[in-house]
Amino acid sequence: ERLFQQTLEKKTKNNFAKMLQKMKLVQFTYWDQQTQNVQEAWKLLMESQQLKLTYTVTDPQAEITRNINNQQMFTPERLQRLNGKGSPSKLPIFIVGFPR
């Protein structure tokens, strides 16, 4: 019975985290597309990803470190330098795992 209770508590916490994570994604979309406030949008996206880590990743610290490394690598300045260096195709791409 104790194991059942612990499993139920974990599922409840995970479901709550999933709901909050989805709410943060909706807020991210609003701030990104409607207000074009990139700073606030990014903050909400990071909060969303932080919540997602609570129910999908077994080593949250490693995932956080990977995300920080990606932020440091893909700075606005670097992206500007890379502008125009990719494929000339105008076809859209789909990045697996990236929030829509």
C-alpha atoms as a PDB file:
ATOM      1  CA  GLU A   1       0.000   0.000   0.000  1.00  0.00           C
ATOM      2  CA  ARG A   2       2.845   2.386   0.755  1.00  0.00           C
ATOM      3  CA  LEU A   3       4.350   1.791  -2.699  1.00  0.00           C
ATOM      4  CA  PHE A   4       0.947   2.452  -4.242  1.00  0.00           C
ATOM      5  CA  GLN A   5       0.681   5.735  -2.323  1.00  0.00           C
ATOM      6  CA  GLN A   6       4.164   6.813  -3.407  1.00  0.00           C
ATOM      7  CA  THR A   7       3.365   5.966  -7.031  1.00  0.00           C
ATOM      8  CA  LEU A   8       0.111   7.898  -6.835  1.00  0.00           C
ATOM      9  CA  GLU A   9       1.861  10.934  -5.311  1.00  0.00           C
ATOM     10  CA  LYS A  10       4.508  10.861  -8.055  1.00  0.00           C
ATOM     11  CA  LYS A  11       1.859  10.627 -10.787  1.00  0.00           C
ATOM     12  CA  THR A  12      -0.073  13.520  -9.206  1.00  0.00           C
ATOM     13  CA  LYS A  13       3.070  15.671  -9.071  1.00  0.00           C
ATOM     14  CA  ASN A  14       3.941  14.745 -12.644  1.00  0.00           C
ATOM     15  CA  ASN A  15       0.450  15.605 -13.889  1.00  0.00           C
ATOM     16  CA  PHE A  16       0.572  18.952 -12.094  1.00  0.00           C
ATOM     17  CA  ALA A  17       4.012  19.662 -13.581  1.00  0.00           C
ATOM     18  CA  LYS A  18       2.699  18.774 -17.061  1.00  0.00           C
ATOM     19  CA  MET A  19      -0.232  21.182 -16.686  1.00  0.00           C
ATOM     20  CA  LEU A  20       2.042  23.992 -15.496  1.00  0.00           C
ATOM     21  CA  GLN A  21       4.504  23.265 -18.281  1.00  0.00           C
ATOM     22  CA  LYS A  22       1.774  23.546 -20.914  1.00  0.00           C
ATOM     23  CA  MET A  23       0.549  26.789 -19.345  1.00  0.00           C
ATOM     24  CA  LYS A  24       4.075  28.232 -19.553  1.00  0.00           C
ATOM     25  CA  LEU A  25       4.254  27.247 -23.236  1.00  0.00           C
ATOM     26  CA  VAL A  26       0.997  29.094 -23.904  1.00  0.00           C
ATOM     27  CA  GLN A  27       2.369  32.133 -22.095  1.00  0.00           C
ATOM     28  CA  PHE A  28       5.601  31.845 -24.090  1.00  0.00           C
ATOM     29  CA  THR A  29       3.630  31.877 -27.352  1.00  0.00           C
ATOM     30  CA  TYR A  30       1.685  34.949 -26.270  1.00  0.00           C
ATOM     31  CA  TRP A  31       4.779  36.932 -25.235  1.00  0.00           C
ATOM     32  CA  ASP A  32       6.737  35.795 -28.290  1.00  0.00           C
ATOM     33  CA  GLN A  33       4.093  36.311 -30.968  1.00  0.00           C
ATOM     34  CA  GLN A  34       1.668  38.887 -29.597  1.00  0.00           C
ATOM     35  CA  THR A  35       3.904  41.247 -27.629  1.00  0.00           C
ATOM     36  CA  GLN A  36       7.234  40.320 -29.281  1.00  0.00           C
ATOM     37  CA  ASN A  37       8.853  40.671 -25.869  1.00  0.00           C
ATOM     38  CA  VAL A  38      11.703  38.228 -26.402  1.00  0.00           C
ATOM     39  CA  GLN A  39      13.093  38.553 -22.866  1.00  0.00           C
ATOM     40  CA  GLU A  40       9.806  37.609 -21.197  1.00  0.00           C
ATOM     41  CA  ALA A  41       9.086  34.918 -23.793  1.00  0.00           C
ATOM     42  CA  TRP A  42      12.489  33.313 -23.247  1.00  0.00           C
ATOM     43  CA  LYS A  43      12.037  33.381 -19.473  1.00  0.00           C
ATOM     44  CA  LEU A  44       8.707  31.547 -19.818  1.00  0.00           C
ATOM     45  CA  LEU A  45      10.147  29.013 -22.231  1.00  0.00           C
ATOM     46  CA  MET A  46      12.953  28.241 -19.782  1.00  0.00           C
ATOM     47  CA  GLU A  47      10.421  27.860 -16.940  1.00  0.00           C
ATOM     48  CA  SER A  48       8.428  25.501 -19.136  1.00  0.00           C
ATOM     49  CA  GLN A  49      11.493  23.413 -19.877  1.00  0.00           C
ATOM     50  CA  GLN A  50      12.424  23.370 -16.203  1.00  0.00           C
ATOM     51  CA  LEU A  51       8.991  21.924 -15.382  1.00  0.00           C
ATOM     52  CA  LYS A  52       9.327  19.382 -18.186  1.00  0.00           C
ATOM     53  CA  LEU A  53      12.578  18.179 -16.651  1.00  0.00           C
ATOM     54  CA  THR A  54      10.736  17.238 -13.469  1.00  0.00           C
ATOM     55  CA  TYR A  55       8.779  14.494 -15.217  1.00  0.00           C
ATOM     56  CA  THR A  56      10.913  13.469 -18.212  1.00  0.00           C
ATOM     57  CA  VAL A  57      14.588  13.547 -17.264  1.00  0.00           C
ATOM     58  CA  THR A  58      16.338  11.268 -14.823  1.00  0.00           C
ATOM     59  CA  ASP A  59      19.323  13.633 -14.483  1.00  0.00           C
ATOM     60  CA  PRO A  60      17.932  17.188 -14.421  1.00  0.00           C
ATOM     61  CA  GLN A  61      21.302  18.793 -13.668  1.00  0.00           C
ATOM     62  CA  ALA A  62      22.855  17.320 -16.813  1.00  0.00           C
ATOM     63  CA  GLU A  63      19.939  18.626 -18.866  1.00  0.00           C
ATOM     64  CA  ILE A  64      20.237  22.092 -17.300  1.00  0.00           C
ATOM     65  CA  THR A  65      23.958  22.152 -18.067  1.00  0.00           C
ATOM     66  CA  ARG A  66      23.276  21.150 -21.694  1.00  0.00           C
ATOM     67  CA  ASN A  67      20.713  23.938 -22.055  1.00  0.00           C
ATOM     68  CA  ILE A  68      23.077  26.527 -20.579  1.00  0.00           C
ATOM     69  CA  ASN A  69      25.814  25.380 -22.966  1.00  0.00           C
ATOM     70  CA  ASN A  70      23.416  25.757 -25.900  1.00  0.00           C
ATOM     71  CA  GLN A  71      22.496  29.281 -24.762  1.00  0.00           C
ATOM     72  CA  GLN A  72      26.150  30.230 -24.561  1.00  0.00           C
ATOM     73  CA  MET A  73      26.863  28.741 -27.984  1.00  0.00           C
ATOM     74  CA  PHE A  74      23.940  30.263 -29.888  1.00  0.00           C
ATOM     75  CA  THR A  75      24.220  33.924 -28.954  1.00  0.00           C
ATOM     76  CA  PRO A  76      22.475  36.605 -31.040  1.00  0.00           C
ATOM     77  CA  GLU A  77      25.893  37.728 -32.286  1.00  0.00           C
ATOM     78  CA  ARG A  78      26.832  34.243 -33.450  1.00  0.00           C
ATOM     79  CA  LEU A  79      23.476  33.724 -35.134  1.00  0.00           C
ATOM     80  CA  GLN A  80      23.952  37.058 -36.927  1.00  0.00           C
ATOM     81  CA  ARG A  81      27.392  35.944 -38.178  1.00  0.00           C
ATOM     82  CA  LEU A  82      25.845  32.697 -39.455  1.00  0.00           C
ATOM     83  CA  ASN A  83      22.998  34.495 -41.220  1.00  0.00           C
ATOM     84  CA  GLY A  84      22.849  33.450 -44.872  1.00  0.00           C
ATOM     85  CA  LYS A  85      25.362  30.624 -44.494  1.00  0.00           C
ATOM     86  CA  GLY A  86      22.795  27.808 -44.437  1.00  0.00           C
ATOM     87  CA  SER A  87      20.761  26.119 -47.101  1.00  0.00           C
ATOM     88  CA  PRO A  88      19.258  28.488 -49.698  1.00  0.00           C
ATOM     89  CA  SER A  89      16.018  26.433 -49.665  1.00  0.00           C
ATOM     90  CA  LYS A  90      12.857  28.216 -48.525  1.00  0.00           C
ATOM     91  CA  LEU A  91      11.222  24.923 -47.493  1.00  0.00           C
ATOM     92  CA  PRO A  92      10.248  24.823 -43.805  1.00  0.00           C
ATOM     93  CA  ILE A  93      12.038  22.494 -41.445  1.00  0.00           C
ATOM     94  CA  PHE A  94      10.704  20.636 -38.449  1.00  0.00           C
ATOM     95  CA  ILE A  95      12.962  20.246 -35.439  1.00  0.00           C
ATOM     96  CA  VAL A  96      11.992  17.119 -33.493  1.00  0.00           C
ATOM     97  CA  GLY A  97      11.450  17.831 -29.808  1.00  0.00           C
ATOM     98  CA  PHE A  98      11.281  21.614 -30.151  1.00  0.00           C
ATOM     99  CA  PRO A  99       8.115  23.247 -28.799  1.00  0.00           C
ATOM    100  CA  ARG A 100       5.813  24.573 -31.465  1.00  0.00           C
END
